[in-house]
C-alpha atoms as a PDB file:
ATOM      1  CA  UNK A   1       5.311   7.103   4.525  1.00  0.00           C
ATOM      2  CA  UNK A   2       7.342   9.472   2.369  1.00  0.00           C
ATOM      3  CA  UNK A   3       9.528   7.231   0.222  1.00  0.00           C
ATOM      4  CA  UNK A   4      11.858  10.074  -0.681  1.00  0.00           C
ATOM      5  CA  UNK A   5      11.392   9.633  -4.410  1.00  0.00           C
ATOM      6  CA  UNK A   6      10.393  13.201  -5.221  1.00  0.00           C
ATOM      7  CA  UNK A   7      12.966  14.598  -7.601  1.00  0.00           C
ATOM      8  CA  UNK A   8      14.515  11.206  -8.356  1.00  0.00           C
ATOM      9  CA  UNK A   9      14.857  10.166 -11.989  1.00  0.00           C
ATOM     10  CA  UNK A  10      13.883   6.684 -13.144  1.00  0.00           C
ATOM     11  CA  UNK A  11      14.379   4.783 -16.391  1.00  0.00           C
ATOM     12  CA  UNK A  12      11.922   1.908 -16.713  1.00  0.00           C
ATOM     13  CA  UNK A  13      12.443  -0.729 -19.391  1.00  0.00           C
ATOM     14  CA  UNK A  14       9.554  -2.722 -20.844  1.00  0.00           C
ATOM     15  CA  UNK A  15       7.171  -0.082 -19.547  1.00  0.00           C
ATOM     16  CA  UNK A  16       4.438  -0.094 -22.181  1.00  0.00           C
ATOM     17  CA  UNK A  17       2.485  -2.818 -20.365  1.00  0.00           C
ATOM     18  CA  UNK A  18       2.523  -5.381 -17.591  1.00  0.00           C
ATOM     19  CA  UNK A  19       4.951  -5.214 -14.694  1.00  0.00           C
ATOM     20  CA  UNK A  20       7.081  -2.484 -16.245  1.00  0.00           C
ATOM     21  CA  UNK A  21       4.078  -0.227 -16.606  1.00  0.00           C
ATOM     22  CA  UNK A  22       3.010  -0.960 -13.033  1.00  0.00           C
ATOM     23  CA  UNK A  23       6.437   0.091 -11.767  1.00  0.00           C
ATOM     24  CA  UNK A  24       6.442   3.268 -13.858  1.00  0.00           C
ATOM     25  CA  UNK A  25       3.027   4.196 -12.502  1.00  0.00           C
ATOM     26  CA  UNK A  26       4.097   3.583  -8.904  1.00  0.00           C
ATOM     27  CA  UNK A  27       7.303   5.613  -9.228  1.00  0.00           C
ATOM     28  CA  UNK A  28       5.537   8.511 -10.918  1.00  0.00           C
ATOM     29  CA  UNK A  29       2.841   8.533  -8.227  1.00  0.00           C
ATOM     30  CA  UNK A  30       5.613   8.948  -5.637  1.00  0.00           C
ATOM     31  CA  UNK A  31       6.904  12.045  -7.430  1.00  0.00           C
ATOM     32  CA  UNK A  32       9.751  10.589  -9.478  1.00  0.00           C
ATOM     33  CA  UNK A  33      10.466  11.811 -12.987  1.00  0.00           C
ATOM     34  CA  UNK A  34      10.094   8.760 -15.205  1.00  0.00           C
ATOM     35  CA  UNK A  35      11.344   7.799 -18.652  1.00  0.00           C
ATOM     36  CA  UNK A  36       9.507   4.808 -20.045  1.00  0.00           C
ATOM     37  CA  UNK A  37      11.049   2.637 -22.753  1.00  0.00           C
ATOM     38  CA  UNK A  38       9.940  -0.289 -24.915  1.00  0.00           C
ATOM     39  CA  UNK A  39       9.350  -1.134 -28.565  1.00  0.00           C
ATOM     40  CA  UNK A  40       5.750   0.149 -28.571  1.00  0.00           C
ATOM     41  CA  UNK A  41       6.216   3.851 -29.257  1.00  0.00           C
ATOM     42  CA  UNK A  42       2.513   4.730 -29.387  1.00  0.00           C
ATOM     43  CA  UNK A  43       1.764   3.040 -26.057  1.00  0.00           C
ATOM     44  CA  UNK A  44       4.800   4.704 -24.479  1.00  0.00           C
ATOM     45  CA  UNK A  45       3.789   8.186 -25.544  1.00  0.00           C
ATOM     46  CA  UNK A  46       0.257   7.655 -24.261  1.00  0.00           C
ATOM     47  CA  UNK A  47       1.607   6.381 -20.941  1.00  0.00           C
ATOM     48  CA  UNK A  48       4.038   9.281 -20.521  1.00  0.00           C
ATOM     49  CA  UNK A  49       1.290  11.797 -21.193  1.00  0.00           C
ATOM     50  CA  UNK A  50      -1.054  10.062 -18.755  1.00  0.00           C
ATOM     51  CA  UNK A  51       1.557   9.931 -16.000  1.00  0.00           C
ATOM     52  CA  UNK A  52       2.453  13.617 -16.397  1.00  0.00           C
ATOM     53  CA  UNK A  53      -1.194  14.671 -16.331  1.00  0.00           C
ATOM     54  CA  UNK A  54      -2.114  12.489 -13.358  1.00  0.00           C
ATOM     55  CA  UNK A  55       0.868  13.079 -11.094  1.00  0.00           C
ATOM     56  CA  UNK A  56       2.119  16.499 -12.121  1.00  0.00           C
ATOM     57  CA  UNK A  57       5.705  15.355 -12.684  1.00  0.00           C
ATOM     58  CA  UNK A  58       7.569  15.002 -15.986  1.00  0.00           C
ATOM     59  CA  UNK A  59       7.451  11.713 -17.859  1.00  0.00           C
ATOM     60  CA  UNK A  60       9.226  10.916 -21.107  1.00  0.00           C
ATOM     61  CA  UNK A  61       9.010   8.149 -23.696  1.00  0.00           C
ATOM     62  CA  UNK A  62      11.891   6.582 -25.640  1.00  0.00           C
ATOM     63  CA  UNK A  63      11.481   3.764 -28.132  1.00  0.00           C
ATOM     64  CA  UNK A  64      14.072   1.048 -27.535  1.00  0.00           C
ATOM     65  CA  UNK A  65      14.485  -2.660 -28.143  1.00  0.00           C
ATOM     66  CA  UNK A  66      16.409  -4.659 -25.549  1.00  0.00           C
ATOM     67  CA  UNK A  67      17.219  -7.204 -28.269  1.00  0.00           C
ATOM     68  CA  UNK A  68      19.441  -4.495 -29.794  1.00  0.00           C
ATOM     69  CA  UNK A  69      22.466  -4.615 -27.513  1.00  0.00           C
ATOM     70  CA  UNK A  70      24.170  -1.530 -28.958  1.00  0.00           C
ATOM     71  CA  UNK A  71      20.926   0.396 -28.685  1.00  0.00           C
ATOM     72  CA  UNK A  72      21.238   0.288 -24.904  1.00  0.00           C
ATOM     73  CA  UNK A  73      24.018   2.875 -25.018  1.00  0.00           C
ATOM     74  CA  UNK A  74      21.805   5.245 -26.998  1.00  0.00           C
ATOM     75  CA  UNK A  75      18.894   4.644 -24.620  1.00  0.00           C
ATOM     76  CA  UNK A  76      21.024   5.433 -21.572  1.00  0.00           C
ATOM     77  CA  UNK A  77      22.414   8.596 -23.139  1.00  0.00           C
ATOM     78  CA  UNK A  78      18.991   9.807 -24.272  1.00  0.00           C
ATOM     79  CA  UNK A  79      17.463   9.182 -20.836  1.00  0.00           C
ATOM     80  CA  UNK A  80      20.256  11.189 -19.203  1.00  0.00           C
ATOM     81  CA  UNK A  81      19.735  13.970 -21.728  1.00  0.00           C
ATOM     82  CA  UNK A  82      15.970  14.088 -21.077  1.00  0.00           C
ATOM     83  CA  UNK A  83      16.108  13.910 -17.267  1.00  0.00           C
ATOM     84  CA  UNK A  84      19.573  15.157 -16.416  1.00  0.00           C
ATOM     85  CA  UNK A  85      20.573  11.770 -15.025  1.00  0.00           C
ATOM     86  CA  UNK A  86      19.246   8.379 -13.958  1.00  0.00           C
ATOM     87  CA  UNK A  87      18.977   7.527 -10.259  1.00  0.00           C
ATOM     88  CA  UNK A  88      16.719   4.475 -10.566  1.00  0.00           C
ATOM     89  CA  UNK A  89      17.128   1.862 -13.290  1.00  0.00           C
ATOM     90  CA  UNK A  90      14.453  -0.780 -13.796  1.00  0.00           C
ATOM     91  CA  UNK A  91      15.755  -3.645 -15.933  1.00  0.00           C
ATOM     92  CA  UNK A  92      12.856  -5.410 -17.581  1.00  0.00           C
ATOM     93  CA  UNK A  93      12.035  -7.203 -20.817  1.00  0.00           C
ATOM     94  CA  UNK A  94       9.462  -9.543 -22.254  1.00  0.00           C
ATOM     95  CA  UNK A  95       9.707 -13.158 -21.183  1.00  0.00           C
ATOM     96  CA  UNK A  96      11.236 -15.752 -23.529  1.00  0.00           C
ATOM     97  CA  UNK A  97       9.239 -18.483 -25.286  1.00  0.00           C
ATOM     98  CA  UNK A  98       8.113 -21.371 -23.120  1.00  0.00           C
ATOM     99  CA  UNK A  99       9.544 -24.818 -23.737  1.00  0.00           C
ATOM    100  CA  UNK A 100      11.089 -27.934 -22.254  1.00  0.00           C
ATOM    101  CA  UNK A 101      14.816 -28.503 -21.785  1.00  0.00           C
ATOM    102  CA  UNK A 102      14.722 -31.452 -24.209  1.00  0.00           C
ATOM    103  CA  UNK A 103      13.339 -29.182 -26.936  1.00  0.00           C
ATOM    104  CA  UNK A 104      15.796 -26.317 -26.405  1.00  0.00           C
ATOM    105  CA  UNK A 105      16.964 -24.531 -29.550  1.00  0.00           C
ATOM    106  CA  UNK A 106      20.566 -23.347 -29.281  1.00  0.00           C
ATOM    107  CA  UNK A 107      19.914 -20.532 -31.754  1.00  0.00           C
ATOM    108  CA  UNK A 108      17.040 -19.311 -29.579  1.00  0.00           C
ATOM    109  CA  UNK A 109      19.215 -19.642 -26.491  1.00  0.00           C
ATOM    110  CA  UNK A 110      21.866 -17.390 -28.034  1.00  0.00           C
ATOM    111  CA  UNK A 111      19.321 -14.780 -29.141  1.00  0.00           C
ATOM    112  CA  UNK A 112      17.630 -14.695 -25.749  1.00  0.00           C
ATOM    113  CA  UNK A 113      21.006 -14.480 -23.988  1.00  0.00           C
ATOM    114  CA  UNK A 114      21.622 -11.121 -25.639  1.00  0.00           C
ATOM    115  CA  UNK A 115      18.136  -9.885 -24.765  1.00  0.00           C
ATOM    116  CA  UNK A 116      17.945 -11.174 -21.203  1.00  0.00           C
ATOM    117  CA  UNK A 117      21.555 -10.982 -20.025  1.00  0.00           C
ATOM    118  CA  UNK A 118      23.946  -8.993 -22.217  1.00  0.00           C
ATOM    119  CA  UNK A 119      21.779  -5.977 -23.081  1.00  0.00           C
ATOM    120  CA  UNK A 120      20.446  -5.305 -19.541  1.00  0.00           C
ATOM    121  CA  UNK A 121      23.949  -5.560 -18.081  1.00  0.00           C
ATOM    122  CA  UNK A 122      25.287  -3.226 -20.769  1.00  0.00           C
ATOM    123  CA  UNK A 123      22.612  -0.653 -19.939  1.00  0.00           C
ATOM    124  CA  UNK A 124      23.375  -0.879 -16.233  1.00  0.00           C
ATOM    125  CA  UNK A 125      27.116  -0.517 -16.793  1.00  0.00           C
ATOM    126  CA  UNK A 126      26.518   2.603 -18.866  1.00  0.00           C
ATOM    127  CA  UNK A 127      24.619   4.289 -16.029  1.00  0.00           C
ATOM    128  CA  UNK A 128      26.499   2.944 -13.000  1.00  0.00           C
ATOM    129  CA  UNK A 129      29.494   5.323 -13.011  1.00  0.00           C
ATOM    130  CA  UNK A 130      27.292   8.381 -12.483  1.00  0.00           C
ATOM    131  CA  UNK A 131      25.310   6.633  -9.728  1.00  0.00           C
ATOM    132  CA  UNK A 132      28.526   5.766  -7.902  1.00  0.00           C
ATOM    133  CA  UNK A 133      29.831   9.307  -8.291  1.00  0.00           C
ATOM    134  CA  UNK A 134      26.599  10.723  -6.810  1.00  0.00           C
ATOM    135  CA  UNK A 135      26.714   8.095  -4.030  1.00  0.00           C
ATOM    136  CA  UNK A 136      23.114   7.105  -4.710  1.00  0.00           C
ATOM    137  CA  UNK A 137      21.465   4.699  -7.106  1.00  0.00           C
ATOM    138  CA  UNK A 138      18.978   1.879  -7.441  1.00  0.00           C
ATOM    139  CA  UNK A 139      19.125  -1.014  -9.916  1.00  0.00           C
ATOM    140  CA  UNK A 140      16.053  -3.212  -9.792  1.00  0.00           C
ATOM    141  CA  UNK A 141      15.651  -6.203 -12.077  1.00  0.00           C
ATOM    142  CA  UNK A 142      12.219  -7.602 -12.881  1.00  0.00           C
ATOM    143  CA  UNK A 143      12.822 -11.299 -12.386  1.00  0.00           C
ATOM    144  CA  UNK A 144      10.824 -14.467 -11.962  1.00  0.00           C
ATOM    145  CA  UNK A 145      10.014 -16.913  -9.206  1.00  0.00           C
ATOM    146  CA  UNK A 146      11.931 -19.366 -11.397  1.00  0.00           C
ATOM    147  CA  UNK A 147      15.086 -17.698 -10.088  1.00  0.00           C
ATOM    148  CA  UNK A 148      14.359 -19.371  -6.756  1.00  0.00           C
ATOM    149  CA  UNK A 149      12.366 -22.417  -7.817  1.00  0.00           C
ATOM    150  CA  UNK A 150      12.764 -23.372 -11.515  1.00  0.00           C
ATOM    151  CA  UNK A 151       9.458 -23.493 -13.347  1.00  0.00           C
ATOM    152  CA  UNK A 152       8.378 -26.415 -15.555  1.00  0.00           C
ATOM    153  CA  UNK A 153       8.357 -25.820 -19.313  1.00  0.00           C
ATOM    154  CA  UNK A 154      10.318 -22.558 -18.863  1.00  0.00           C
ATOM    155  CA  UNK A 155      13.841 -23.683 -19.695  1.00  0.00           C
ATOM    156  CA  UNK A 156      14.975 -20.416 -21.313  1.00  0.00           C
ATOM    157  CA  UNK A 157      13.724 -18.316 -18.425  1.00  0.00           C
ATOM    158  CA  UNK A 158      15.161 -20.649 -15.789  1.00  0.00           C
ATOM    159  CA  UNK A 159      18.545 -20.846 -17.505  1.00  0.00           C
ATOM    160  CA  UNK A 160      19.151 -17.220 -18.426  1.00  0.00           C
ATOM    161  CA  UNK A 161      17.639 -15.527 -15.385  1.00  0.00           C
ATOM    162  CA  UNK A 162      20.057 -17.543 -13.256  1.00  0.00           C
ATOM    163  CA  UNK A 163      22.862 -15.572 -14.933  1.00  0.00           C
ATOM    164  CA  UNK A 164      21.269 -12.317 -13.803  1.00  0.00           C
ATOM    165  CA  UNK A 165      21.021 -13.626 -10.232  1.00  0.00           C
ATOM    166  CA  UNK A 166      24.769 -14.217 -10.196  1.00  0.00           C
ATOM    167  CA  UNK A 167      25.527 -10.846 -11.759  1.00  0.00           C
ATOM    168  CA  UNK A 168      23.197  -8.965  -9.403  1.00  0.00           C
ATOM    169  CA  UNK A 169      24.694 -10.548  -6.290  1.00  0.00           C
ATOM    170  CA  UNK A 170      28.261  -9.959  -7.439  1.00  0.00           C
ATOM    171  CA  UNK A 171      27.633  -6.353  -8.424  1.00  0.00           C
ATOM    172  CA  UNK A 172      25.707  -5.515  -5.270  1.00  0.00           C
ATOM    173  CA  UNK A 173      28.752  -6.193  -3.087  1.00  0.00           C
ATOM    174  CA  UNK A 174      30.985  -4.102  -5.321  1.00  0.00           C
ATOM    175  CA  UNK A 175      28.836  -0.948  -5.243  1.00  0.00           C
ATOM    176  CA  UNK A 176      27.134  -1.100  -1.830  1.00  0.00           C
ATOM    177  CA  UNK A 177      29.636   1.306  -0.261  1.00  0.00           C
ATOM    178  CA  UNK A 178      28.818   3.790  -3.040  1.00  0.00           C
ATOM    179  CA  UNK A 179      25.163   4.019  -1.986  1.00  0.00           C
ATOM    180  CA  UNK A 180      23.960   1.918  -4.930  1.00  0.00           C
ATOM    181  CA  UNK A 181      21.632  -1.000  -4.254  1.00  0.00           C
ATOM    182  CA  UNK A 182      20.952  -3.893  -6.621  1.00  0.00           C
ATOM    183  CA  UNK A 183      17.921  -6.100  -6.115  1.00  0.00           C
ATOM    184  CA  UNK A 184      15.723  -8.508  -8.024  1.00  0.00           C
ATOM    185  CA  UNK A 185      11.952  -8.286  -7.729  1.00  0.00           C
ATOM    186  CA  UNK A 186      10.600 -11.739  -8.507  1.00  0.00           C
ATOM    187  CA  UNK A 187       6.892 -11.939  -9.329  1.00  0.00           C
ATOM    188  CA  UNK A 188       4.762 -14.983  -8.902  1.00  0.00           C
ATOM    189  CA  UNK A 189       1.435 -15.148 -10.712  1.00  0.00           C
ATOM    190  CA  UNK A 190       0.598 -11.499 -11.375  1.00  0.00           C
ATOM    191  CA  UNK A 191      -2.302 -10.730 -13.696  1.00  0.00           C
ATOM    192  CA  UNK A 192      -0.548  -9.569 -16.860  1.00  0.00           C
ATOM    193  CA  UNK A 193      -0.619 -10.492 -20.543  1.00  0.00           C
ATOM    194  CA  UNK A 194       2.434 -12.686 -19.956  1.00  0.00           C
ATOM    195  CA  UNK A 195       0.560 -14.643 -17.264  1.00  0.00           C
ATOM    196  CA  UNK A 196      -2.321 -15.237 -19.634  1.00  0.00           C
ATOM    197  CA  UNK A 197       0.045 -16.323 -22.416  1.00  0.00           C
ATOM    198  CA  UNK A 198       1.690 -18.828 -20.090  1.00  0.00           C
ATOM    199  CA  UNK A 199      -1.714 -20.112 -19.029  1.00  0.00           C
ATOM    200  CA  UNK A 200      -2.644 -20.465 -22.685  1.00  0.00           C
ATOM    201  CA  UNK A 201       0.424 -22.623 -23.363  1.00  0.00           C
ATOM    202  CA  UNK A 202      -0.413 -24.789 -20.373  1.00  0.00           C
ATOM    203  CA  UNK A 203      -4.044 -25.069 -21.420  1.00  0.00           C
ATOM    204  CA  UNK A 204      -3.059 -26.200 -24.906  1.00  0.00           C
ATOM    205  CA  UNK A 205      -0.656 -28.781 -23.536  1.00  0.00           C
ATOM    206  CA  UNK A 206      -3.212 -30.188 -21.076  1.00  0.00           C
ATOM    207  CA  UNK A 207      -6.257 -29.873 -23.320  1.00  0.00           C
ATOM    208  CA  UNK A 208      -8.172 -27.536 -21.025  1.00  0.00           C
ATOM    209  CA  UNK A 209      -9.498 -23.979 -21.269  1.00  0.00           C
ATOM    210  CA  UNK A 210      -7.341 -20.984 -20.384  1.00  0.00           C
ATOM    211  CA  UNK A 211      -9.755 -20.135 -17.587  1.00  0.00           C
ATOM    212  CA  UNK A 212      -9.371 -23.609 -16.106  1.00  0.00           C
ATOM    213  CA  UNK A 213      -5.598 -23.388 -16.378  1.00  0.00           C
ATOM    214  CA  UNK A 214      -5.597 -20.076 -14.532  1.00  0.00           C
ATOM    215  CA  UNK A 215      -7.973 -21.374 -11.864  1.00  0.00           C
ATOM    216  CA  UNK A 216      -5.687 -24.340 -11.225  1.00  0.00           C
ATOM    217  CA  UNK A 217      -2.735 -22.018 -10.750  1.00  0.00           C
ATOM    218  CA  UNK A 218      -4.672 -19.771  -8.380  1.00  0.00           C
ATOM    219  CA  UNK A 219      -5.805 -22.774  -6.334  1.00  0.00           C
ATOM    220  CA  UNK A 220      -2.186 -23.741  -5.721  1.00  0.00           C
ATOM    221  CA  UNK A 221      -1.148 -20.317  -4.420  1.00  0.00           C
ATOM    222  CA  UNK A 222      -1.396 -19.944  -0.628  1.00  0.00           C
ATOM    223  CA  UNK A 223      -3.110 -16.574  -1.136  1.00  0.00           C
ATOM    224  CA  UNK A 224      -5.626 -18.367  -3.432  1.00  0.00           C
ATOM    225  CA  UNK A 225      -5.512 -15.603  -6.014  1.00  0.00           C
ATOM    226  CA  UNK A 226      -3.354 -13.897  -8.575  1.00  0.00           C
ATOM    227  CA  UNK A 227      -1.510 -10.753  -7.570  1.00  0.00           C
ATOM    228  CA  UNK A 228      -2.236  -7.383  -9.143  1.00  0.00           C
ATOM    229  CA  UNK A 229       0.262  -5.231 -11.039  1.00  0.00           C
ATOM    230  CA  UNK A 230      -0.366  -2.483  -8.477  1.00  0.00           C
ATOM    231  CA  UNK A 231       0.787  -4.740  -5.642  1.00  0.00           C
ATOM    232  CA  UNK A 232       3.969  -5.513  -7.529  1.00  0.00           C
ATOM    233  CA  UNK A 233       4.602  -1.868  -8.425  1.00  0.00           C
ATOM    234  CA  UNK A 234       4.271  -0.800  -4.799  1.00  0.00           C
ATOM    235  CA  UNK A 235       7.080  -3.127  -3.718  1.00  0.00           C
ATOM    236  CA  UNK A 236       9.259  -1.821  -6.548  1.00  0.00           C
ATOM    237  CA  UNK A 237       8.650   1.755  -5.390  1.00  0.00           C
ATOM    238  CA  UNK A 238       9.793   0.827  -1.894  1.00  0.00           C
ATOM    239  CA  UNK A 239      12.969  -0.848  -3.182  1.00  0.00           C
ATOM    240  CA  UNK A 240      13.695   2.248  -5.249  1.00  0.00           C
ATOM    241  CA  UNK A 241      13.198   4.512  -2.265  1.00  0.00           C
ATOM    242  CA  UNK A 242      15.427   6.158   0.292  1.00  0.00           C
ATOM    243  CA  UNK A 243      13.840   3.898   2.921  1.00  0.00           C
ATOM    244  CA  UNK A 244      15.305   0.767   1.299  1.00  0.00           C
ATOM    245  CA  UNK A 245      18.918   1.948   1.384  1.00  0.00           C
ATOM    246  CA  UNK A 246      20.045  -1.098   3.423  1.00  0.00           C
ATOM    247  CA  UNK A 247      18.397  -3.682   1.163  1.00  0.00           C
ATOM    248  CA  UNK A 248      20.735  -4.966  -1.525  1.00  0.00           C
ATOM    249  CA  UNK A 249      21.857  -8.170  -3.223  1.00  0.00           C
ATOM    250  CA  UNK A 250      18.446  -9.687  -2.559  1.00  0.00           C
ATOM    251  CA  UNK A 251      15.664 -11.437  -4.422  1.00  0.00           C
ATOM    252  CA  UNK A 252      12.362 -10.077  -3.162  1.00  0.00           C
ATOM    253  CA  UNK A 253       9.431 -12.349  -3.944  1.00  0.00           C
ATOM    254  CA  UNK A 254       5.973 -10.960  -4.667  1.00  0.00           C
ATOM    255  CA  UNK A 255       4.157 -14.246  -5.130  1.00  0.00           C
ATOM    256  CA  UNK A 256       1.431 -14.722  -2.536  1.00  0.00           C
ATOM    257  CA  UNK A 257       3.604 -17.310  -0.797  1.00  0.00           C
ATOM    258  CA  UNK A 258       3.788 -19.556  -3.841  1.00  0.00           C
ATOM    259  CA  UNK A 259       7.497 -20.385  -3.676  1.00  0.00           C
ATOM    260  CA  UNK A 260       7.916 -22.873  -0.857  1.00  0.00           C
ATOM    261  CA  UNK A 261      11.687 -22.481  -0.482  1.00  0.00           C
ATOM    262  CA  UNK A 262      12.889 -20.605   2.596  1.00  0.00           C
END
């Protein structure tokens, strides 16, 4: 299937590793020009060079920190300058610290609110006018299964990602007639550094090894295994594609059936 991504221009946040990197790789493989952004400049440059060499399409690297709200304007402008525009925006950032609701730090809550809610929305709002004018655009947010079924010991993630769910759904209805879709791609247990960190926190709390903690998680997934970044990236590429033009305002779960809600 030709996804119609050749010639499209994508800005991928948090792309130096994990799910962001998987999405950047999938989009580049489909022929999209990609700009990758994160705080890790060296990893970004290496990734951009690798993508260009492998897929024969341009790839650029821009250092940016989603915790710097004002820096999102500069990132958007630089990405437009490098690629001539942004058709596909992937909103992504590192996950917040784990913790229980009873232990919630209000200072941490405020800091993470800027990183997880304010800055991504600011970036999207900077790029949306041009998407609407062109009558084509894709905004995909890397979410969490906690958006559907809150996760234990993840109070910051559960609380703040819920704000993005509300924003995404509201925005999607406002721009659908302009050819812009807005979706959330919610991963379950995908094998990334973040997954291992979460398993490590659980292992420490329960007094078991990280391997045992991960095995217990896998045993509870209907698919009986963790997902791969490549599987996640492939779904993102479809949502970004011409073929997904009638999919908007949705949370798409890539979780091996782990969330039991309908």
